[in-house]
């Protein structure tokens, strides 16, 4: 009778000849986590600034609206108060929209800067990991060939 080969031992020997280094994966995870933290910070700062602008805009509008709601001596004064309110509201709206645009511009610039930096870092890490893996496989192949 023919004796079957022990493939388990052969697979263990083969896998042992080509060790797997998980530091590249760990570094990639850490880099991704750091990038996510920075992107979250940018988003949270933008949300905070946007909330401040909205709050300020609402307060200004309510203040100006209280002037419109006051009793007037002449009917024409109501029309003037409404016109003044509309004019002031348009001016405040333009200012606040410009402030929102500045927030969006800063978010865009910060995000692009972070992504470019992360891309450079990940490229360097990937290059180093590939170089190390190539060296490891080459040395393992030489050891296997020497046996």
C-alpha atoms as a PDB file:
ATOM      1  CA  UNK A   1       0.000   0.000   0.000  1.00  0.00           C
ATOM      2  CA  UNK A   2       1.126   3.509  -0.793  1.00  0.00           C
ATOM      3  CA  UNK A   3       1.676   5.840   2.094  1.00  0.00           C
ATOM      4  CA  UNK A   4       0.034   9.301   1.716  1.00  0.00           C
ATOM      5  CA  UNK A   5       2.157  12.351   2.200  1.00  0.00           C
ATOM      6  CA  UNK A   6       1.637  14.585   5.200  1.00  0.00           C
ATOM      7  CA  UNK A   7       0.504  17.795   3.501  1.00  0.00           C
ATOM      8  CA  UNK A   8      -0.002  19.549   6.841  1.00  0.00           C
ATOM      9  CA  UNK A   9       3.706  19.385   7.670  1.00  0.00           C
ATOM     10  CA  UNK A  10       4.599  20.419   4.131  1.00  0.00           C
ATOM     11  CA  UNK A  11       2.267  23.462   4.328  1.00  0.00           C
ATOM     12  CA  UNK A  12       3.713  24.454   7.718  1.00  0.00           C
ATOM     13  CA  UNK A  13       7.233  24.303   6.303  1.00  0.00           C
ATOM     14  CA  UNK A  14       6.224  26.316   3.250  1.00  0.00           C
ATOM     15  CA  UNK A  15       4.379  28.985   5.273  1.00  0.00           C
ATOM     16  CA  UNK A  16       7.267  29.179   7.735  1.00  0.00           C
ATOM     17  CA  UNK A  17       9.651  29.866   4.864  1.00  0.00           C
ATOM     18  CA  UNK A  18       7.623  32.954   3.893  1.00  0.00           C
ATOM     19  CA  UNK A  19       6.952  34.878   7.098  1.00  0.00           C
ATOM     20  CA  UNK A  20       4.168  37.494   7.115  1.00  0.00           C
ATOM     21  CA  UNK A  21       4.993  40.837   8.642  1.00  0.00           C
ATOM     22  CA  UNK A  22       1.873  42.627   9.898  1.00  0.00           C
ATOM     23  CA  UNK A  23       3.626  45.876  10.831  1.00  0.00           C
ATOM     24  CA  UNK A  24       2.746  47.354   7.429  1.00  0.00           C
ATOM     25  CA  UNK A  25      -0.955  46.741   8.110  1.00  0.00           C
ATOM     26  CA  UNK A  26      -0.659  48.148  11.610  1.00  0.00           C
ATOM     27  CA  UNK A  27       1.094  51.258  10.291  1.00  0.00           C
ATOM     28  CA  UNK A  28      -1.569  51.696   7.603  1.00  0.00           C
ATOM     29  CA  UNK A  29      -4.294  51.436  10.246  1.00  0.00           C
ATOM     30  CA  UNK A  30      -2.562  54.004  12.457  1.00  0.00           C
ATOM     31  CA  UNK A  31      -2.096  56.362   9.502  1.00  0.00           C
ATOM     32  CA  UNK A  32      -5.747  56.010   8.519  1.00  0.00           C
ATOM     33  CA  UNK A  33      -6.904  56.592  12.101  1.00  0.00           C
ATOM     34  CA  UNK A  34      -4.743  59.725  12.359  1.00  0.00           C
ATOM     35  CA  UNK A  35      -6.100  61.027   9.040  1.00  0.00           C
ATOM     36  CA  UNK A  36      -9.684  60.390  10.165  1.00  0.00           C
ATOM     37  CA  UNK A  37      -9.007  62.255  13.407  1.00  0.00           C
ATOM     38  CA  UNK A  38      -7.658  65.270  11.513  1.00  0.00           C
ATOM     39  CA  UNK A  39     -10.550  65.255   9.015  1.00  0.00           C
ATOM     40  CA  UNK A  40     -13.045  65.023  11.884  1.00  0.00           C
ATOM     41  CA  UNK A  41     -11.367  67.976  13.543  1.00  0.00           C
ATOM     42  CA  UNK A  42     -11.700  70.042  10.352  1.00  0.00           C
ATOM     43  CA  UNK A  43     -15.393  69.103  10.039  1.00  0.00           C
ATOM     44  CA  UNK A  44     -16.139  69.858  13.694  1.00  0.00           C
ATOM     45  CA  UNK A  45     -14.402  73.244  13.537  1.00  0.00           C
ATOM     46  CA  UNK A  46     -16.412  74.123  10.433  1.00  0.00           C
ATOM     47  CA  UNK A  47     -19.657  73.050  12.116  1.00  0.00           C
ATOM     48  CA  UNK A  48     -18.809  75.135  15.187  1.00  0.00           C
ATOM     49  CA  UNK A  49     -18.021  78.218  13.089  1.00  0.00           C
ATOM     50  CA  UNK A  50     -21.188  77.724  11.016  1.00  0.00           C
ATOM     51  CA  UNK A  51     -23.268  77.477  14.187  1.00  0.00           C
ATOM     52  CA  UNK A  52     -21.723  80.723  15.464  1.00  0.00           C
ATOM     53  CA  UNK A  53     -22.552  82.491  12.196  1.00  0.00           C
ATOM     54  CA  UNK A  54     -26.124  81.161  12.235  1.00  0.00           C
ATOM     55  CA  UNK A  55     -26.602  82.176  15.868  1.00  0.00           C
ATOM     56  CA  UNK A  56     -25.278  85.672  15.228  1.00  0.00           C
ATOM     57  CA  UNK A  57     -27.469  86.024  12.138  1.00  0.00           C
ATOM     58  CA  UNK A  58     -30.562  84.968  14.084  1.00  0.00           C
ATOM     59  CA  UNK A  59     -29.818  87.424  16.905  1.00  0.00           C
ATOM     60  CA  UNK A  60     -29.329  90.302  14.456  1.00  0.00           C
ATOM     61  CA  UNK A  61     -32.545  89.432  12.644  1.00  0.00           C
ATOM     62  CA  UNK A  62     -34.537  89.283  15.880  1.00  0.00           C
ATOM     63  CA  UNK A  63     -33.120  92.609  17.021  1.00  0.00           C
ATOM     64  CA  UNK A  64     -34.053  94.258  13.743  1.00  0.00           C
ATOM     65  CA  UNK A  65     -37.474  92.581  13.789  1.00  0.00           C
ATOM     66  CA  UNK A  66     -38.223  94.121  17.174  1.00  0.00           C
ATOM     67  CA  UNK A  67     -37.860  97.571  15.541  1.00  0.00           C
ATOM     68  CA  UNK A  68     -40.401  96.587  12.870  1.00  0.00           C
ATOM     69  CA  UNK A  69     -42.913  95.397  15.459  1.00  0.00           C
ATOM     70  CA  UNK A  70     -43.012  98.707  17.329  1.00  0.00           C
ATOM     71  CA  UNK A  71     -46.123 100.834  17.046  1.00  0.00           C
ATOM     72  CA  UNK A  72     -45.765 103.717  14.611  1.00  0.00           C
ATOM     73  CA  UNK A  73     -47.453 107.130  14.640  1.00  0.00           C
ATOM     74  CA  UNK A  74     -48.137 107.271  10.913  1.00  0.00           C
ATOM     75  CA  UNK A  75     -49.150 104.474   8.505  1.00  0.00           C
ATOM     76  CA  UNK A  76     -46.268 105.431   6.202  1.00  0.00           C
ATOM     77  CA  UNK A  77     -43.841 104.737   9.044  1.00  0.00           C
ATOM     78  CA  UNK A  78     -44.838 101.049   8.927  1.00  0.00           C
ATOM     79  CA  UNK A  79     -43.857 100.885   5.271  1.00  0.00           C
ATOM     80  CA  UNK A  80     -40.562 102.654   6.057  1.00  0.00           C
ATOM     81  CA  UNK A  81     -39.831 100.239   8.952  1.00  0.00           C
ATOM     82  CA  UNK A  82     -40.553  97.235   6.706  1.00  0.00           C
ATOM     83  CA  UNK A  83     -38.354  98.660   3.933  1.00  0.00           C
ATOM     84  CA  UNK A  84     -35.522  99.351   6.384  1.00  0.00           C
ATOM     85  CA  UNK A  85     -35.849  95.825   7.762  1.00  0.00           C
ATOM     86  CA  UNK A  86     -35.746  94.280   4.282  1.00  0.00           C
ATOM     87  CA  UNK A  87     -32.726  96.377   3.331  1.00  0.00           C
ATOM     88  CA  UNK A  88     -30.857  95.562   6.536  1.00  0.00           C
ATOM     89  CA  UNK A  89     -31.759  91.865   6.212  1.00  0.00           C
ATOM     90  CA  UNK A  90     -30.392  91.738   2.682  1.00  0.00           C
ATOM     91  CA  UNK A  91     -27.152  93.359   3.832  1.00  0.00           C
ATOM     92  CA  UNK A  92     -26.776  90.984   6.780  1.00  0.00           C
ATOM     93  CA  UNK A  93     -27.585  88.014   4.539  1.00  0.00           C
ATOM     94  CA  UNK A  94     -24.819  88.982   2.124  1.00  0.00           C
ATOM     95  CA  UNK A  95     -22.320  89.339   4.983  1.00  0.00           C
ATOM     96  CA  UNK A  96     -23.278  85.999   6.506  1.00  0.00           C
ATOM     97  CA  UNK A  97     -23.225  84.166   3.181  1.00  0.00           C
ATOM     98  CA  UNK A  98     -19.695  85.522   2.664  1.00  0.00           C
ATOM     99  CA  UNK A  99     -18.775  84.233   6.141  1.00  0.00           C
ATOM    100  CA  UNK A 100     -20.202  80.792   5.279  1.00  0.00           C
ATOM    101  CA  UNK A 101     -18.225  80.842   2.024  1.00  0.00           C
ATOM    102  CA  UNK A 102     -15.029  81.550   3.984  1.00  0.00           C
ATOM    103  CA  UNK A 103     -15.743  78.586   6.265  1.00  0.00           C
ATOM    104  CA  UNK A 104     -16.290  76.344   3.229  1.00  0.00           C
ATOM    105  CA  UNK A 105     -13.113  77.632   1.592  1.00  0.00           C
ATOM    106  CA  UNK A 106     -11.081  76.912   4.730  1.00  0.00           C
ATOM    107  CA  UNK A 107     -12.557  73.406   4.991  1.00  0.00           C
ATOM    108  CA  UNK A 108     -11.700  72.742   1.365  1.00  0.00           C
ATOM    109  CA  UNK A 109      -8.119  73.999   1.736  1.00  0.00           C
ATOM    110  CA  UNK A 110      -7.536  72.062   4.968  1.00  0.00           C
ATOM    111  CA  UNK A 111      -9.002  68.877   3.494  1.00  0.00           C
ATOM    112  CA  UNK A 112      -6.906  69.058   0.338  1.00  0.00           C
ATOM    113  CA  UNK A 113      -3.795  69.723   2.427  1.00  0.00           C
ATOM    114  CA  UNK A 114      -4.528  66.751   4.697  1.00  0.00           C
ATOM    115  CA  UNK A 115      -5.256  64.403   1.795  1.00  0.00           C
ATOM    116  CA  UNK A 116      -2.104  65.400  -0.069  1.00  0.00           C
ATOM    117  CA  UNK A 117      -0.035  64.905   3.075  1.00  0.00           C
ATOM    118  CA  UNK A 118      -1.698  61.553   3.747  1.00  0.00           C
ATOM    119  CA  UNK A 119      -1.151  60.462   0.156  1.00  0.00           C
ATOM    120  CA  UNK A 120       2.531  61.269   0.418  1.00  0.00           C
ATOM    121  CA  UNK A 121       2.832  59.430   3.747  1.00  0.00           C
ATOM    122  CA  UNK A 122       0.944  56.381   2.482  1.00  0.00           C
ATOM    123  CA  UNK A 123       3.046  56.285  -0.675  1.00  0.00           C
ATOM    124  CA  UNK A 124       6.231  56.328   1.381  1.00  0.00           C
ATOM    125  CA  UNK A 125       4.894  53.636   3.727  1.00  0.00           C
ATOM    126  CA  UNK A 126       3.772  51.444   0.843  1.00  0.00           C
ATOM    127  CA  UNK A 127       7.142  51.806  -0.846  1.00  0.00           C
ATOM    128  CA  UNK A 128       8.965  50.867   2.358  1.00  0.00           C
ATOM    129  CA  UNK A 129       6.625  47.896   2.931  1.00  0.00           C
ATOM    130  CA  UNK A 130       7.125  46.594  -0.604  1.00  0.00           C
ATOM    131  CA  UNK A 131      10.897  46.959  -0.305  1.00  0.00           C
ATOM    132  CA  UNK A 132      10.914  45.109   3.029  1.00  0.00           C
ATOM    133  CA  UNK A 133       8.626  42.374   1.700  1.00  0.00           C
ATOM    134  CA  UNK A 134      10.851  41.935  -1.347  1.00  0.00           C
ATOM    135  CA  UNK A 135      13.917  41.613   0.852  1.00  0.00           C
ATOM    136  CA  UNK A 136      12.140  39.128   3.159  1.00  0.00           C
ATOM    137  CA  UNK A 137      10.933  36.961   0.272  1.00  0.00           C
ATOM    138  CA  UNK A 138      14.348  37.060  -1.386  1.00  0.00           C
ATOM    139  CA  UNK A 139      16.130  35.979   1.781  1.00  0.00           C
ATOM    140  CA  UNK A 140      13.514  33.259   2.437  1.00  0.00           C
ATOM    141  CA  UNK A 141      13.868  31.984  -1.127  1.00  0.00           C
ATOM    142  CA  UNK A 142      17.663  31.880  -0.739  1.00  0.00           C
ATOM    143  CA  UNK A 143      17.309  29.927   2.505  1.00  0.00           C
ATOM    144  CA  UNK A 144      14.868  27.518   0.898  1.00  0.00           C
ATOM    145  CA  UNK A 145      17.170  27.024  -2.092  1.00  0.00           C
ATOM    146  CA  UNK A 146      20.145  26.398   0.193  1.00  0.00           C
ATOM    147  CA  UNK A 147      18.377  23.504   1.972  1.00  0.00           C
END
